[in-house]
Amino acid sequence: MKRTYISIFTFLTLFLTITFYNIEIINADDPSKQTGDDPGAQIANVLCNVISIAQGNVGKTIAILVIISIAIGLFLGKITWGVAIAVSVGMGVLFGANSVVEFIAAGKDGAGPCTQNNK
């Protein structure tokens, strides 16, 4: 039970550190980057910054560490194949979300306001 609290505390500390010290999130509410006075545009800009972080180099580095951890866990018999497949499908959805949205929103110009994420 004590170990659970330590792991939760560690996760929250890491999350808050990354969130507060990441320059893209800090500048997310910069008025010069907003497309208007619409609060919806401001929220879209913040969410686009979060998506660019999750699908950028930070997200890819975390995904590499997760893959290595899953591989070691499978090798030692601590993780089942179902968990490994679920994690890999989850990472595929995370990094392939732009393609899915472009497929669903065919006929429109781009997949939404996050045009910098469409690769």
C-alpha atoms as a PDB file:
ATOM      1  CA  MET A   1       0.000   0.000   0.000  1.00  0.00           C
ATOM      2  CA  LYS A   2       2.823   2.389   0.861  1.00  0.00           C
ATOM      3  CA  ARG A   3       4.497   1.645  -2.455  1.00  0.00           C
ATOM      4  CA  THR A   4       1.343   2.679  -4.317  1.00  0.00           C
ATOM      5  CA  TYR A   5       1.390   6.103  -2.676  1.00  0.00           C
ATOM      6  CA  ILE A   6       5.051   6.547  -3.537  1.00  0.00           C
ATOM      7  CA  SER A   7       4.470   5.679  -7.190  1.00  0.00           C
ATOM      8  CA  ILE A   8       1.447   8.004  -7.409  1.00  0.00           C
ATOM      9  CA  PHE A   9       3.443  10.820  -5.796  1.00  0.00           C
ATOM     10  CA  THR A  10       6.334  10.227  -8.200  1.00  0.00           C
ATOM     11  CA  PHE A  11       4.033  10.253 -11.225  1.00  0.00           C
ATOM     12  CA  LEU A  12       2.258  13.450 -10.157  1.00  0.00           C
ATOM     13  CA  THR A  13       5.550  15.179  -9.400  1.00  0.00           C
ATOM     14  CA  LEU A  14       6.943  14.244 -12.807  1.00  0.00           C
ATOM     15  CA  PHE A  15       3.731  15.296 -14.569  1.00  0.00           C
ATOM     16  CA  LEU A  16       3.557  18.658 -12.831  1.00  0.00           C
ATOM     17  CA  THR A  17       7.242  19.329 -13.444  1.00  0.00           C
ATOM     18  CA  ILE A  18       6.893  18.645 -17.156  1.00  0.00           C
ATOM     19  CA  THR A  19       3.694  20.683 -17.330  1.00  0.00           C
ATOM     20  CA  PHE A  20       4.944  23.744 -15.471  1.00  0.00           C
ATOM     21  CA  TYR A  21       8.360  23.936 -17.074  1.00  0.00           C
ATOM     22  CA  ASN A  22       7.421  23.164 -20.654  1.00  0.00           C
ATOM     23  CA  ILE A  23       7.668  26.352 -22.659  1.00  0.00           C
ATOM     24  CA  GLU A  24       4.907  25.399 -25.108  1.00  0.00           C
ATOM     25  CA  ILE A  25       2.364  24.951 -22.326  1.00  0.00           C
ATOM     26  CA  ILE A  26       3.528  28.073 -20.494  1.00  0.00           C
ATOM     27  CA  ASN A  27       3.078  30.164 -23.657  1.00  0.00           C
ATOM     28  CA  ALA A  28      -0.201  28.470 -24.620  1.00  0.00           C
ATOM     29  CA  ASP A  29      -2.246  31.466 -23.498  1.00  0.00           C
ATOM     30  CA  ASP A  30      -0.032  34.021 -25.243  1.00  0.00           C
ATOM     31  CA  PRO A  31      -2.387  36.530 -26.897  1.00  0.00           C
ATOM     32  CA  SER A  32      -0.101  36.879 -29.921  1.00  0.00           C
ATOM     33  CA  LYS A  33      -0.660  33.213 -30.793  1.00  0.00           C
ATOM     34  CA  GLN A  34      -4.445  33.286 -30.536  1.00  0.00           C
ATOM     35  CA  THR A  35      -6.642  33.417 -33.598  1.00  0.00           C
ATOM     36  CA  GLY A  36      -9.208  35.768 -32.079  1.00  0.00           C
ATOM     37  CA  ASP A  37     -11.107  36.706 -28.967  1.00  0.00           C
ATOM     38  CA  ASP A  38     -13.142  33.512 -29.126  1.00  0.00           C
ATOM     39  CA  PRO A  39     -12.596  31.398 -25.984  1.00  0.00           C
ATOM     40  CA  GLY A  40     -13.002  28.304 -28.139  1.00  0.00           C
ATOM     41  CA  ALA A  41      -9.978  29.342 -30.198  1.00  0.00           C
ATOM     42  CA  GLN A  42      -7.962  29.795 -27.016  1.00  0.00           C
ATOM     43  CA  ILE A  43      -8.898  26.321 -25.797  1.00  0.00           C
ATOM     44  CA  ALA A  44      -8.077  24.877 -29.220  1.00  0.00           C
ATOM     45  CA  ASN A  45      -4.614  26.483 -29.100  1.00  0.00           C
ATOM     46  CA  VAL A  46      -3.904  24.978 -25.671  1.00  0.00           C
ATOM     47  CA  LEU A  47      -5.101  21.538 -26.787  1.00  0.00           C
ATOM     48  CA  CYS A  48      -3.029  21.772 -29.970  1.00  0.00           C
ATOM     49  CA  ASN A  49       0.043  22.479 -27.836  1.00  0.00           C
ATOM     50  CA  VAL A  50      -0.694  19.437 -25.670  1.00  0.00           C
ATOM     51  CA  ILE A  51      -1.121  17.272 -28.782  1.00  0.00           C
ATOM     52  CA  SER A  52       2.126  18.528 -30.274  1.00  0.00           C
ATOM     53  CA  ILE A  53       3.944  17.640 -27.046  1.00  0.00           C
ATOM     54  CA  ALA A  54       2.367  14.179 -26.832  1.00  0.00           C
ATOM     55  CA  GLN A  55       3.122  13.397 -30.465  1.00  0.00           C
ATOM     56  CA  GLY A  56       6.490  15.141 -30.567  1.00  0.00           C
ATOM     57  CA  ASN A  57       9.900  14.149 -29.296  1.00  0.00           C
ATOM     58  CA  VAL A  58       8.772  13.911 -25.662  1.00  0.00           C
ATOM     59  CA  GLY A  59       6.003  11.455 -26.523  1.00  0.00           C
ATOM     60  CA  LYS A  60       8.247   9.387 -28.773  1.00  0.00           C
ATOM     61  CA  THR A  61      10.934   9.162 -26.078  1.00  0.00           C
ATOM     62  CA  ILE A  62       8.389   8.028 -23.505  1.00  0.00           C
ATOM     63  CA  ALA A  63       7.040   5.480 -26.006  1.00  0.00           C
ATOM     64  CA  ILE A  64      10.551   4.070 -26.501  1.00  0.00           C
ATOM     65  CA  LEU A  65      10.987   3.693 -22.743  1.00  0.00           C
ATOM     66  CA  VAL A  66       7.583   1.988 -22.491  1.00  0.00           C
ATOM     67  CA  ILE A  67       8.475  -0.458 -25.271  1.00  0.00           C
ATOM     68  CA  ILE A  68      11.762  -1.326 -23.565  1.00  0.00           C
ATOM     69  CA  SER A  69       9.969  -1.832 -20.235  1.00  0.00           C
ATOM     70  CA  ILE A  70       7.298  -4.025 -21.822  1.00  0.00           C
ATOM     71  CA  ALA A  71       9.950  -6.100 -23.602  1.00  0.00           C
ATOM     72  CA  ILE A  72      11.866  -6.679 -20.367  1.00  0.00           C
ATOM     73  CA  GLY A  73       8.626  -7.528 -18.545  1.00  0.00           C
ATOM     74  CA  LEU A  74       7.657 -10.030 -21.250  1.00  0.00           C
ATOM     75  CA  PHE A  75      11.117 -11.588 -21.174  1.00  0.00           C
ATOM     76  CA  LEU A  76      10.940 -12.039 -17.399  1.00  0.00           C
ATOM     77  CA  GLY A  77       7.350 -13.299 -17.497  1.00  0.00           C
ATOM     78  CA  LYS A  78       5.911 -10.441 -15.436  1.00  0.00           C
ATOM     79  CA  ILE A  79       3.619  -9.086 -18.171  1.00  0.00           C
ATOM     80  CA  THR A  80       1.101 -11.019 -20.231  1.00  0.00           C
ATOM     81  CA  TRP A  81       0.865 -10.801 -23.996  1.00  0.00           C
ATOM     82  CA  GLY A  82      -2.564  -9.178 -23.684  1.00  0.00           C
ATOM     83  CA  VAL A  83      -1.118  -6.233 -21.778  1.00  0.00           C
ATOM     84  CA  ALA A  84       1.715  -5.871 -24.288  1.00  0.00           C
ATOM     85  CA  ILE A  85      -0.727  -5.860 -27.202  1.00  0.00           C
ATOM     86  CA  ALA A  86      -3.007  -3.351 -25.448  1.00  0.00           C
ATOM     87  CA  VAL A  87      -0.086  -0.995 -24.806  1.00  0.00           C
ATOM     88  CA  SER A  88       1.106  -1.234 -28.399  1.00  0.00           C
ATOM     89  CA  VAL A  89      -2.401  -0.571 -29.747  1.00  0.00           C
ATOM     90  CA  GLY A  90      -2.693   2.427 -27.409  1.00  0.00           C
ATOM     91  CA  MET A  91       0.567   3.884 -28.684  1.00  0.00           C
ATOM     92  CA  GLY A  92      -0.571   3.269 -32.261  1.00  0.00           C
ATOM     93  CA  VAL A  93      -3.768   5.194 -31.584  1.00  0.00           C
ATOM     94  CA  LEU A  94      -1.823   8.041 -29.947  1.00  0.00           C
ATOM     95  CA  PHE A  95       0.608   8.501 -32.822  1.00  0.00           C
ATOM     96  CA  GLY A  96      -1.900   7.672 -35.595  1.00  0.00           C
ATOM     97  CA  ALA A  97      -4.715   9.924 -34.406  1.00  0.00           C
ATOM     98  CA  ASN A  98      -4.060  12.577 -37.063  1.00  0.00           C
ATOM     99  CA  SER A  99      -4.443  10.027 -39.868  1.00  0.00           C
ATOM    100  CA  VAL A 100      -7.722   8.755 -38.404  1.00  0.00           C
ATOM    101  CA  VAL A 101      -9.152  12.274 -38.107  1.00  0.00           C
ATOM    102  CA  GLU A 102      -8.072  13.144 -41.658  1.00  0.00           C
ATOM    103  CA  PHE A 103      -9.755   9.961 -42.918  1.00  0.00           C
ATOM    104  CA  ILE A 104     -13.005  10.709 -41.066  1.00  0.00           C
ATOM    105  CA  ALA A 105     -13.026  14.421 -41.983  1.00  0.00           C
ATOM    106  CA  ALA A 106     -12.310  13.813 -45.677  1.00  0.00           C
ATOM    107  CA  GLY A 107     -13.356  16.665 -47.894  1.00  0.00           C
ATOM    108  CA  LYS A 108     -12.455  19.358 -45.394  1.00  0.00           C
ATOM    109  CA  ASP A 109      -9.311  21.460 -45.483  1.00  0.00           C
ATOM    110  CA  GLY A 110      -7.109  19.648 -42.979  1.00  0.00           C
ATOM    111  CA  ALA A 111      -8.105  17.853 -39.836  1.00  0.00           C
ATOM    112  CA  GLY A 112      -8.871  20.873 -37.670  1.00  0.00           C
ATOM    113  CA  PRO A 113      -7.095  23.796 -36.079  1.00  0.00           C
ATOM    114  CA  CYS A 114      -3.937  21.800 -35.344  1.00  0.00           C
ATOM    115  CA  THR A 115      -2.445  22.098 -38.812  1.00  0.00           C
ATOM    116  CA  GLN A 116       1.134  22.030 -37.459  1.00  0.00           C
ATOM    117  CA  ASN A 117       0.543  18.446 -36.251  1.00  0.00           C
ATOM    118  CA  ASN A 118      -0.566  17.072 -39.606  1.00  0.00           C
ATOM    119  CA  LYS A 119       2.462  15.255 -40.961  1.00  0.00           C
END
